[in-house]
């Protein structure tokens, strides 16, 4: 089974609104139907957005990190890329 990488916005949508395709994708990852790779940079971005834009409490952030960690595989990108000119944060997804 190949691994996929999920964009930060998909995590945010899945966790905050708990419906729709983003939530279905996260559920599939939690149930082992898809393998999802995540880097420390992506995890940090998800947690930052949850804290800054959605005012997540420290407890909420711990729960968010636990949910994501339990359904993903941590990876360390072997190279740093600068290829997404309109949104440089998306370089982490490509890496």
N, C-alpha and C. Protein backbone atom coordinates (compact mmCIF):
# COMPACT_ATOMS: atom_id res chain seq x y z
N UNK A 1 0.85 -1.17 0.00
CA UNK A 1 0.00 0.00 0.00
C UNK A 1 0.90 1.24 0.00
N UNK A 2 0.64 2.16 -0.92
CA UNK A 2 1.38 3.41 -0.99
C UNK A 2 0.97 4.33 0.15
N UNK A 3 1.85 5.26 0.46
CA UNK A 3 1.54 6.28 1.47
C UNK A 3 1.11 7.57 0.78
N UNK A 4 0.25 8.30 1.45
CA UNK A 4 -0.15 9.61 0.98
C UNK A 4 0.24 10.63 2.04
N UNK A 5 0.26 11.89 1.64
CA UNK A 5 0.48 12.98 2.58
C UNK A 5 -0.74 13.88 2.51
N UNK A 6 -1.26 14.24 3.65
CA UNK A 6 -2.46 15.06 3.73
C UNK A 6 -2.07 16.51 4.01
N UNK A 7 -2.67 17.43 3.27
CA UNK A 7 -2.44 18.85 3.46
C UNK A 7 -3.00 19.30 4.81
N UNK A 8 -2.36 20.29 5.37
CA UNK A 8 -2.77 20.83 6.67
C UNK A 8 -4.25 21.20 6.69
N UNK A 9 -4.74 21.82 5.62
CA UNK A 9 -6.15 22.24 5.59
C UNK A 9 -7.11 21.06 5.70
N UNK A 10 -6.70 19.91 5.21
CA UNK A 10 -7.55 18.72 5.32
C UNK A 10 -7.64 18.28 6.78
N UNK A 11 -6.50 18.27 7.47
CA UNK A 11 -6.53 17.95 8.91
C UNK A 11 -7.42 18.92 9.67
N UNK A 12 -7.25 20.21 9.40
CA UNK A 12 -8.01 21.23 10.11
C UNK A 12 -9.50 21.04 9.88
N UNK A 13 -9.89 20.83 8.64
CA UNK A 13 -11.29 20.63 8.31
C UNK A 13 -11.84 19.36 8.97
N UNK A 14 -11.08 18.27 8.88
CA UNK A 14 -11.52 16.99 9.44
C UNK A 14 -11.71 17.09 10.95
N UNK A 15 -10.80 17.76 11.62
CA UNK A 15 -10.84 17.83 13.08
C UNK A 15 -11.87 18.83 13.60
N UNK A 16 -12.07 19.92 12.89
CA UNK A 16 -12.97 20.97 13.37
C UNK A 16 -14.42 20.77 12.97
N UNK A 17 -14.63 20.22 11.79
CA UNK A 17 -16.01 20.14 11.28
C UNK A 17 -16.56 18.72 11.28
N UNK A 18 -15.70 17.73 11.36
CA UNK A 18 -16.05 16.32 11.51
C UNK A 18 -17.15 15.84 10.57
N UNK A 19 -17.03 16.27 9.33
CA UNK A 19 -17.94 15.77 8.29
C UNK A 19 -17.26 15.98 6.94
N UNK A 20 -17.83 15.40 5.93
CA UNK A 20 -17.33 15.60 4.58
C UNK A 20 -16.13 14.73 4.25
N UNK A 21 -15.59 14.97 3.08
CA UNK A 21 -14.46 14.18 2.57
C UNK A 21 -13.22 14.25 3.45
N UNK A 22 -12.83 15.43 3.98
CA UNK A 22 -11.66 15.45 4.87
C UNK A 22 -11.83 14.52 6.07
N UNK A 23 -13.01 14.54 6.68
CA UNK A 23 -13.25 13.68 7.83
C UNK A 23 -13.23 12.21 7.42
N UNK A 24 -13.79 11.90 6.26
CA UNK A 24 -13.77 10.52 5.77
C UNK A 24 -12.34 10.04 5.55
N UNK A 25 -11.49 10.92 5.01
CA UNK A 25 -10.10 10.55 4.78
C UNK A 25 -9.37 10.29 6.10
N UNK A 26 -9.59 11.14 7.08
CA UNK A 26 -8.97 10.92 8.39
C UNK A 26 -9.48 9.62 9.02
N UNK A 27 -10.76 9.35 8.89
CA UNK A 27 -11.33 8.10 9.39
C UNK A 27 -10.67 6.89 8.71
N UNK A 28 -10.48 6.98 7.41
CA UNK A 28 -9.83 5.90 6.67
C UNK A 28 -8.42 5.67 7.21
N UNK A 29 -7.72 6.75 7.52
CA UNK A 29 -6.37 6.62 8.07
C UNK A 29 -6.42 5.99 9.46
N UNK A 30 -7.38 6.40 10.26
CA UNK A 30 -7.51 5.86 11.62
C UNK A 30 -7.84 4.37 11.59
N UNK A 31 -8.56 3.95 10.57
CA UNK A 31 -8.95 2.54 10.45
C UNK A 31 -7.94 1.72 9.65
N UNK A 32 -6.85 2.33 9.22
CA UNK A 32 -5.80 1.62 8.51
C UNK A 32 -6.11 1.32 7.05
N UNK A 33 -7.11 2.00 6.50
CA UNK A 33 -7.47 1.77 5.10
C UNK A 33 -6.51 2.49 4.15
N UNK A 34 -5.87 3.55 4.63
CA UNK A 34 -4.83 4.26 3.87
C UNK A 34 -3.66 4.51 4.80
N UNK A 35 -2.47 4.54 4.23
CA UNK A 35 -1.27 4.87 5.00
C UNK A 35 -0.98 6.35 4.76
N UNK A 36 -0.83 7.10 5.83
CA UNK A 36 -0.60 8.53 5.74
C UNK A 36 0.75 8.87 6.36
N UNK A 37 1.57 9.59 5.61
CA UNK A 37 2.86 10.06 6.09
C UNK A 37 2.71 11.50 6.58
N UNK A 38 3.39 11.80 7.68
CA UNK A 38 3.38 13.18 8.20
C UNK A 38 4.78 13.50 8.71
N UNK A 39 5.20 14.73 8.47
CA UNK A 39 6.49 15.18 8.98
C UNK A 39 6.27 16.04 10.21
N UNK A 40 7.35 16.31 10.93
CA UNK A 40 7.26 17.18 12.09
C UNK A 40 6.78 18.57 11.68
N UNK A 41 7.20 19.05 10.51
CA UNK A 41 6.81 20.38 10.04
C UNK A 41 5.30 20.46 9.80
N UNK A 42 4.72 19.42 9.22
CA UNK A 42 3.27 19.41 8.98
C UNK A 42 2.52 19.34 10.30
N UNK A 43 2.97 18.49 11.21
CA UNK A 43 2.32 18.39 12.52
C UNK A 43 2.38 19.74 13.23
N UNK A 44 3.53 20.39 13.20
CA UNK A 44 3.68 21.68 13.87
C UNK A 44 2.74 22.73 13.26
N UNK A 45 2.59 22.70 11.95
CA UNK A 45 1.71 23.65 11.29
C UNK A 45 0.25 23.40 11.68
N UNK A 46 -0.17 22.15 11.73
CA UNK A 46 -1.54 21.83 12.14
C UNK A 46 -1.79 22.35 13.55
N UNK A 47 -0.89 22.06 14.46
CA UNK A 47 -1.07 22.48 15.85
C UNK A 47 -1.05 24.00 15.98
N UNK A 48 -0.19 24.66 15.22
CA UNK A 48 -0.13 26.12 15.25
C UNK A 48 -1.45 26.73 14.80
N UNK A 49 -1.99 26.23 13.70
CA UNK A 49 -3.25 26.75 13.18
C UNK A 49 -4.39 26.47 14.14
N UNK A 50 -4.42 25.28 14.71
CA UNK A 50 -5.47 24.96 15.68
C UNK A 50 -5.40 25.92 16.88
N UNK A 51 -4.20 26.23 17.32
CA UNK A 51 -4.03 27.13 18.46
C UNK A 51 -4.36 28.57 18.09
N UNK A 52 -3.77 29.06 16.99
CA UNK A 52 -3.89 30.48 16.65
C UNK A 52 -5.22 30.86 16.02
N UNK A 53 -5.76 30.03 15.16
CA UNK A 53 -6.99 30.39 14.45
C UNK A 53 -8.25 29.81 15.08
N UNK A 54 -8.10 28.69 15.77
CA UNK A 54 -9.28 28.04 16.34
C UNK A 54 -9.24 28.03 17.86
N UNK A 55 -8.24 28.70 18.44
CA UNK A 55 -8.13 28.91 19.88
C UNK A 55 -8.19 27.61 20.67
N UNK A 56 -7.53 26.58 20.14
CA UNK A 56 -7.48 25.29 20.83
C UNK A 56 -6.71 25.43 22.13
N UNK A 57 -7.20 24.78 23.15
CA UNK A 57 -6.53 24.79 24.45
C UNK A 57 -5.34 23.82 24.40
N UNK A 58 -4.45 23.91 25.38
CA UNK A 58 -3.34 22.93 25.42
C UNK A 58 -3.84 21.49 25.44
N UNK A 59 -4.95 21.24 26.14
CA UNK A 59 -5.51 19.89 26.18
C UNK A 59 -6.03 19.47 24.80
N UNK A 60 -6.69 20.42 24.11
CA UNK A 60 -7.17 20.15 22.75
C UNK A 60 -6.01 19.82 21.82
N UNK A 61 -4.91 20.56 21.97
CA UNK A 61 -3.75 20.33 21.12
C UNK A 61 -3.13 18.96 21.37
N UNK A 62 -3.08 18.55 22.63
CA UNK A 62 -2.57 17.22 22.95
C UNK A 62 -3.45 16.14 22.33
N UNK A 63 -4.76 16.34 22.40
CA UNK A 63 -5.69 15.37 21.81
C UNK A 63 -5.55 15.34 20.28
N UNK A 64 -5.44 16.52 19.67
CA UNK A 64 -5.25 16.60 18.22
C UNK A 64 -3.99 15.87 17.81
N UNK A 65 -2.89 16.13 18.51
CA UNK A 65 -1.63 15.48 18.17
C UNK A 65 -1.74 13.96 18.34
N UNK A 66 -2.42 13.51 19.38
CA UNK A 66 -2.59 12.08 19.62
C UNK A 66 -3.41 11.42 18.51
N UNK A 67 -4.48 12.09 18.08
CA UNK A 67 -5.31 11.54 17.00
C UNK A 67 -4.50 11.41 15.72
N UNK A 68 -3.78 12.47 15.38
CA UNK A 68 -2.99 12.45 14.15
C UNK A 68 -1.87 11.42 14.26
N UNK A 69 -1.16 11.42 15.37
CA UNK A 69 -0.04 10.49 15.54
C UNK A 69 -0.48 9.03 15.47
N UNK A 70 -1.67 8.75 15.98
CA UNK A 70 -2.14 7.37 16.00
C UNK A 70 -2.56 6.86 14.62
N UNK A 71 -2.76 7.77 13.68
CA UNK A 71 -3.24 7.35 12.37
C UNK A 71 -2.29 7.69 11.24
N UNK A 72 -1.06 8.08 11.59
CA UNK A 72 -0.07 8.45 10.57
C UNK A 72 1.28 7.80 10.88
N UNK A 73 2.17 7.90 9.91
CA UNK A 73 3.55 7.45 10.08
C UNK A 73 4.45 8.66 9.97
N UNK A 74 5.28 8.89 11.00
CA UNK A 74 6.21 10.03 10.97
C UNK A 74 7.30 9.74 9.95
N UNK A 75 7.56 10.75 9.14
CA UNK A 75 8.64 10.65 8.16
C UNK A 75 9.52 11.88 8.29
N UNK A 76 10.75 11.73 7.85
CA UNK A 76 11.69 12.84 7.81
C UNK A 76 12.08 13.07 6.36
N UNK A 77 11.64 14.19 5.77
CA UNK A 77 12.00 14.45 4.37
C UNK A 77 13.51 14.49 4.20
N UNK A 78 13.98 13.96 3.09
CA UNK A 78 15.41 13.90 2.83
C UNK A 78 15.93 15.15 2.15
N UNK A 79 15.02 16.00 1.67
CA UNK A 79 15.45 17.24 1.03
C UNK A 79 14.44 18.35 1.31
N UNK A 80 14.91 19.57 1.21
CA UNK A 80 14.06 20.74 1.37
C UNK A 80 13.79 21.30 -0.01
N UNK A 81 12.52 21.55 -0.30
CA UNK A 81 12.14 22.05 -1.62
C UNK A 81 11.55 23.45 -1.53
N UNK A 82 11.68 24.18 -2.62
CA UNK A 82 11.04 25.49 -2.77
C UNK A 82 10.42 25.50 -4.15
N UNK A 83 9.24 24.85 -4.26
CA UNK A 83 8.61 24.69 -5.57
C UNK A 83 7.19 25.25 -5.65
N UNK A 84 6.55 25.51 -4.51
CA UNK A 84 5.19 26.03 -4.51
C UNK A 84 5.27 27.53 -4.24
N UNK A 85 5.36 28.30 -5.30
CA UNK A 85 5.58 29.74 -5.16
C UNK A 85 4.41 30.47 -4.52
N UNK A 86 3.16 30.07 -4.80
CA UNK A 86 1.99 30.76 -4.26
C UNK A 86 1.76 30.47 -2.77
N UNK A 87 2.25 29.35 -2.28
CA UNK A 87 2.07 28.99 -0.87
C UNK A 87 3.26 28.15 -0.41
N UNK A 88 4.36 28.81 -0.03
CA UNK A 88 5.58 28.08 0.35
C UNK A 88 5.38 27.03 1.44
N UNK A 89 4.37 27.21 2.31
CA UNK A 89 4.11 26.18 3.33
C UNK A 89 3.75 24.85 2.70
N UNK A 90 3.21 24.87 1.49
CA UNK A 90 2.85 23.63 0.81
C UNK A 90 4.08 22.85 0.33
N UNK A 91 5.24 23.48 0.35
CA UNK A 91 6.48 22.74 0.03
C UNK A 91 6.64 21.54 0.97
N UNK A 92 6.19 21.67 2.22
CA UNK A 92 6.29 20.57 3.19
C UNK A 92 5.51 19.35 2.72
N UNK A 93 4.40 19.58 2.02
CA UNK A 93 3.60 18.47 1.52
C UNK A 93 4.34 17.75 0.40
N UNK A 94 4.95 18.51 -0.49
CA UNK A 94 5.68 17.93 -1.62
C UNK A 94 6.91 17.19 -1.15
N UNK A 95 7.58 17.73 -0.14
CA UNK A 95 8.79 17.09 0.38
C UNK A 95 8.50 15.67 0.83
